[in-house]
Amino acid sequence: MRSIRSSLISLVVCVALAACSKASPPTAPDAAPIQPDAGPIGPGVTANFVRVQYNVTGTATLAVANGVAKLDFSSNFGIMQTPGPFVYINTTNNPNTGSPLRVAALKSLTGAQTYTFAVPAGVRYTHILIWCDPFNVAMAQAVIPATP
């Protein structure tokens, strides 16, 4: 009985790995990085990260002005280890839909970090996403509150 159960578990793991290995990352365009000294952008809007598939702590602040965005993660930011985590901003909670923009590979699994990049005019981003590109799965998100 034990060997049958072990065989079944092994089979399920192999099927899951095979399915995941065929996953394609989102086809979102890459954001063009801008030097951090691009000038003042403004105070921005802050949102709490929440778990989608992975435990996460911290906040993100997004400020956008004149085609430049600055995204700051708080000093208490933290997320579990995973292969290929990327940061996206989007109009939906999935970089496979909406108007996604792949900001960059996550710089660190913990701590403060800043991303400064060009954004297209006229897009109202509502989600900051941390996405596992190799397996095309959501890790965490922060929903950007509407500004008054």
C-alpha atoms as a PDB file:
ATOM      1  CA  MET A   1       0.000   0.000   0.000  1.00  0.00           C
ATOM      2  CA  ARG A   2       2.805   2.388   0.908  1.00  0.00           C
ATOM      3  CA  SER A   3       4.643   1.778  -2.405  1.00  0.00           C
ATOM      4  CA  ILE A   4       1.454   2.406  -4.401  1.00  0.00           C
ATOM      5  CA  ARG A   5       0.933   5.690  -2.560  1.00  0.00           C
ATOM      6  CA  SER A   6       4.573   6.690  -3.100  1.00  0.00           C
ATOM      7  CA  SER A   7       4.275   5.842  -6.788  1.00  0.00           C
ATOM      8  CA  LEU A   8       1.117   7.910  -7.120  1.00  0.00           C
ATOM      9  CA  ILE A   9       2.720  10.870  -5.372  1.00  0.00           C
ATOM     10  CA  SER A  10       5.764  10.608  -7.633  1.00  0.00           C
ATOM     11  CA  LEU A  11       3.538  10.452 -10.699  1.00  0.00           C
ATOM     12  CA  VAL A  12       1.567  13.548  -9.629  1.00  0.00           C
ATOM     13  CA  VAL A  13       4.783  15.466  -8.952  1.00  0.00           C
ATOM     14  CA  CYS A  14       6.218  14.500 -12.364  1.00  0.00           C
ATOM     15  CA  VAL A  15       3.014  15.499 -14.175  1.00  0.00           C
ATOM     16  CA  ALA A  16       2.915  18.827 -12.299  1.00  0.00           C
ATOM     17  CA  LEU A  17       6.563  19.566 -13.108  1.00  0.00           C
ATOM     18  CA  ALA A  18       6.066  18.654 -16.739  1.00  0.00           C
ATOM     19  CA  ALA A  19       3.038  20.943 -16.988  1.00  0.00           C
ATOM     20  CA  CYS A  20       4.877  23.813 -15.311  1.00  0.00           C
ATOM     21  CA  SER A  21       7.943  23.418 -17.496  1.00  0.00           C
ATOM     22  CA  LYS A  22       5.790  24.227 -20.538  1.00  0.00           C
ATOM     23  CA  ALA A  23       4.528  27.472 -19.006  1.00  0.00           C
ATOM     24  CA  SER A  24       5.364  30.630 -20.901  1.00  0.00           C
ATOM     25  CA  PRO A  25       5.956  33.910 -19.110  1.00  0.00           C
ATOM     26  CA  PRO A  26       3.588  36.786 -19.835  1.00  0.00           C
ATOM     27  CA  THR A  27       4.259  38.615 -23.087  1.00  0.00           C
ATOM     28  CA  ALA A  28       4.078  42.062 -21.477  1.00  0.00           C
ATOM     29  CA  PRO A  29       6.432  44.681 -22.884  1.00  0.00           C
ATOM     30  CA  ASP A  30       9.483  45.542 -20.791  1.00  0.00           C
ATOM     31  CA  ALA A  31       9.568  48.937 -19.138  1.00  0.00           C
ATOM     32  CA  ALA A  32      12.446  51.177 -20.178  1.00  0.00           C
ATOM     33  CA  PRO A  33      14.523  51.898 -17.070  1.00  0.00           C
ATOM     34  CA  ILE A  34      15.294  55.530 -16.266  1.00  0.00           C
ATOM     35  CA  GLN A  35      18.072  56.812 -14.045  1.00  0.00           C
ATOM     36  CA  PRO A  36      16.790  57.326 -10.488  1.00  0.00           C
ATOM     37  CA  ASP A  37      17.803  60.995 -10.587  1.00  0.00           C
ATOM     38  CA  ALA A  38      15.123  61.765 -13.184  1.00  0.00           C
ATOM     39  CA  GLY A  39      13.820  64.551 -10.944  1.00  0.00           C
ATOM     40  CA  PRO A  40      10.867  64.846  -8.607  1.00  0.00           C
ATOM     41  CA  ILE A  41       7.919  62.692  -9.520  1.00  0.00           C
ATOM     42  CA  GLY A  42       5.580  63.355  -6.585  1.00  0.00           C
ATOM     43  CA  PRO A  43       4.415  61.592  -3.464  1.00  0.00           C
ATOM     44  CA  GLY A  44       2.595  58.690  -5.148  1.00  0.00           C
ATOM     45  CA  VAL A  45       0.006  56.273  -3.825  1.00  0.00           C
ATOM     46  CA  THR A  46       0.810  53.508  -1.337  1.00  0.00           C
ATOM     47  CA  ALA A  47      -0.767  50.040  -1.210  1.00  0.00           C
ATOM     48  CA  ASN A  48      -0.219  46.968   0.959  1.00  0.00           C
ATOM     49  CA  PHE A  49       1.080  43.814  -0.654  1.00  0.00           C
ATOM     50  CA  VAL A  50      -1.241  40.836  -0.187  1.00  0.00           C
ATOM     51  CA  ARG A  51      -0.658  37.159  -0.707  1.00  0.00           C
ATOM     52  CA  VAL A  52      -1.818  35.531  -3.909  1.00  0.00           C
ATOM     53  CA  GLN A  53       0.277  32.321  -3.863  1.00  0.00           C
ATOM     54  CA  TYR A  54       3.192  33.351  -1.608  1.00  0.00           C
ATOM     55  CA  ASN A  55       3.416  34.984   1.800  1.00  0.00           C
ATOM     56  CA  VAL A  56       4.397  38.627   1.476  1.00  0.00           C
ATOM     57  CA  THR A  57       4.846  41.649   3.748  1.00  0.00           C
ATOM     58  CA  GLY A  58       5.311  45.341   3.106  1.00  0.00           C
ATOM     59  CA  THR A  59       3.952  48.084   0.911  1.00  0.00           C
ATOM     60  CA  ALA A  60       4.582  49.596  -2.494  1.00  0.00           C
ATOM     61  CA  THR A  61       4.318  53.254  -3.468  1.00  0.00           C
ATOM     62  CA  LEU A  62       3.764  54.180  -7.105  1.00  0.00           C
ATOM     63  CA  ALA A  63       4.239  57.745  -8.361  1.00  0.00           C
ATOM     64  CA  VAL A  64       3.730  58.684 -12.021  1.00  0.00           C
ATOM     65  CA  ALA A  65       4.365  62.056 -13.698  1.00  0.00           C
ATOM     66  CA  ASN A  66       5.323  63.156 -17.204  1.00  0.00           C
ATOM     67  CA  GLY A  67       5.771  59.616 -18.534  1.00  0.00           C
ATOM     68  CA  VAL A  68       8.039  58.518 -15.675  1.00  0.00           C
ATOM     69  CA  ALA A  69       7.075  56.144 -12.857  1.00  0.00           C
ATOM     70  CA  LYS A  70       8.849  55.519  -9.590  1.00  0.00           C
ATOM     71  CA  LEU A  71       7.973  52.374  -7.665  1.00  0.00           C
ATOM     72  CA  ASP A  72       9.259  52.035  -4.095  1.00  0.00           C
ATOM     73  CA  PHE A  73       9.002  48.913  -1.941  1.00  0.00           C
ATOM     74  CA  SER A  74       9.059  49.492   1.821  1.00  0.00           C
ATOM     75  CA  SER A  75      11.940  48.468   4.068  1.00  0.00           C
ATOM     76  CA  ASN A  76       9.762  45.708   5.577  1.00  0.00           C
ATOM     77  CA  PHE A  77       9.037  44.158   2.182  1.00  0.00           C
ATOM     78  CA  GLY A  78       9.571  40.407   2.080  1.00  0.00           C
ATOM     79  CA  ILE A  79       8.444  37.481  -0.053  1.00  0.00           C
ATOM     80  CA  MET A  80       9.284  33.761  -0.090  1.00  0.00           C
ATOM     81  CA  GLN A  81      12.026  32.320  -2.303  1.00  0.00           C
ATOM     82  CA  THR A  82      10.904  31.461  -5.818  1.00  0.00           C
ATOM     83  CA  PRO A  83      12.499  31.132  -9.241  1.00  0.00           C
ATOM     84  CA  GLY A  84      12.239  34.093 -11.584  1.00  0.00           C
ATOM     85  CA  PRO A  85      10.214  36.697  -9.678  1.00  0.00           C
ATOM     86  CA  PHE A  86       9.379  39.781 -11.774  1.00  0.00           C
ATOM     87  CA  VAL A  87       7.658  43.042 -10.945  1.00  0.00           C
ATOM     88  CA  TYR A  88       4.772  44.188 -13.156  1.00  0.00           C
ATOM     89  CA  ILE A  89       2.305  47.034 -13.114  1.00  0.00           C
ATOM     90  CA  ASN A  90      -1.016  46.542 -14.824  1.00  0.00           C
ATOM     91  CA  THR A  91      -4.634  47.542 -15.208  1.00  0.00           C
ATOM     92  CA  THR A  92      -5.685  44.055 -14.005  1.00  0.00           C
ATOM     93  CA  ASN A  93      -4.355  41.522 -11.500  1.00  0.00           C
ATOM     94  CA  ASN A  94      -2.812  39.344 -14.228  1.00  0.00           C
ATOM     95  CA  PRO A  95       0.031  40.349 -16.594  1.00  0.00           C
ATOM     96  CA  ASN A  96      -1.468  38.095 -19.263  1.00  0.00           C
ATOM     97  CA  THR A  97      -4.422  40.525 -19.618  1.00  0.00           C
ATOM     98  CA  GLY A  98      -5.034  44.268 -19.467  1.00  0.00           C
ATOM     99  CA  SER A  99      -2.196  46.713 -20.211  1.00  0.00           C
ATOM    100  CA  PRO A 100       0.746  45.078 -18.435  1.00  0.00           C
ATOM    101  CA  LEU A 101       4.239  46.475 -18.183  1.00  0.00           C
ATOM    102  CA  ARG A 102       7.126  44.264 -16.992  1.00  0.00           C
ATOM    103  CA  VAL A 103       9.067  46.606 -14.725  1.00  0.00           C
ATOM    104  CA  ALA A 104      12.098  44.439 -13.919  1.00  0.00           C
ATOM    105  CA  ALA A 105      13.292  41.311 -12.205  1.00  0.00           C
ATOM    106  CA  LEU A 106      12.708  41.620  -8.469  1.00  0.00           C
ATOM    107  CA  LYS A 107      15.947  43.100  -7.084  1.00  0.00           C
ATOM    108  CA  SER A 108      15.727  41.368  -3.711  1.00  0.00           C
ATOM    109  CA  LEU A 109      13.357  39.095  -1.804  1.00  0.00           C
ATOM    110  CA  THR A 110      13.573  41.458   1.169  1.00  0.00           C
ATOM    111  CA  GLY A 111      13.960  45.123   1.952  1.00  0.00           C
ATOM    112  CA  ALA A 112      13.555  48.493   0.334  1.00  0.00           C
ATOM    113  CA  GLN A 113      14.058  48.762  -3.399  1.00  0.00           C
ATOM    114  CA  THR A 114      13.262  51.352  -6.055  1.00  0.00           C
ATOM    115  CA  TYR A 115      12.414  51.018  -9.740  1.00  0.00           C
ATOM    116  CA  THR A 116      12.282  54.094 -12.019  1.00  0.00           C
ATOM    117  CA  PHE A 117      10.980  53.557 -15.549  1.00  0.00           C
ATOM    118  CA  ALA A 118       9.070  55.032 -18.486  1.00  0.00           C
ATOM    119  CA  VAL A 119       5.312  54.493 -18.720  1.00  0.00           C
ATOM    120  CA  PRO A 120       2.978  55.049 -21.658  1.00  0.00           C
ATOM    121  CA  ALA A 121       0.693  58.086 -21.521  1.00  0.00           C
ATOM    122  CA  GLY A 122      -2.947  57.650 -20.605  1.00  0.00           C
ATOM    123  CA  VAL A 123      -2.761  54.310 -18.776  1.00  0.00           C
ATOM    124  CA  ARG A 124      -4.191  54.209 -15.230  1.00  0.00           C
ATOM    125  CA  TYR A 125      -2.344  51.368 -13.509  1.00  0.00           C
ATOM    126  CA  THR A 126      -4.301  49.673 -10.714  1.00  0.00           C
ATOM    127  CA  HIS A 127      -2.110  46.724  -9.714  1.00  0.00           C
ATOM    128  CA  ILE A 128       1.492  46.114  -8.713  1.00  0.00           C
ATOM    129  CA  LEU A 129       2.266  42.448  -9.212  1.00  0.00           C
ATOM    130  CA  ILE A 130       5.047  40.102  -8.247  1.00  0.00           C
ATOM    131  CA  TRP A 131       4.908  37.255 -10.734  1.00  0.00           C
ATOM    132  CA  CYS A 132       6.852  34.023 -11.113  1.00  0.00           C
ATOM    133  CA  ASP A 133       7.703  34.243 -14.827  1.00  0.00           C
ATOM    134  CA  PRO A 134       9.080  30.701 -15.328  1.00  0.00           C
ATOM    135  CA  PHE A 135       5.798  29.165 -14.153  1.00  0.00           C
ATOM    136  CA  ASN A 136       3.499  32.087 -15.124  1.00  0.00           C
ATOM    137  CA  VAL A 137       1.914  32.266 -11.668  1.00  0.00           C
ATOM    138  CA  ALA A 138       0.916  35.090  -9.372  1.00  0.00           C
ATOM    139  CA  MET A 139       2.908  35.471  -6.188  1.00  0.00           C
ATOM    140  CA  ALA A 140       1.625  38.687  -4.590  1.00  0.00           C
ATOM    141  CA  GLN A 141      -0.104  41.925  -5.493  1.00  0.00           C
ATOM    142  CA  ALA A 142      -0.813  45.416  -4.249  1.00  0.00           C
ATOM    143  CA  VAL A 143      -4.009  47.114  -5.433  1.00  0.00           C
ATOM    144  CA  ILE A 144      -3.412  50.801  -6.030  1.00  0.00           C
ATOM    145  CA  PRO A 145      -6.184  52.901  -4.509  1.00  0.00           C
ATOM    146  CA  ALA A 146      -7.849  55.493  -6.740  1.00  0.00           C
ATOM    147  CA  THR A 147      -6.498  58.967  -6.194  1.00  0.00           C
ATOM    148  CA  PRO A 148      -8.970  61.741  -5.433  1.00  0.00           C
END
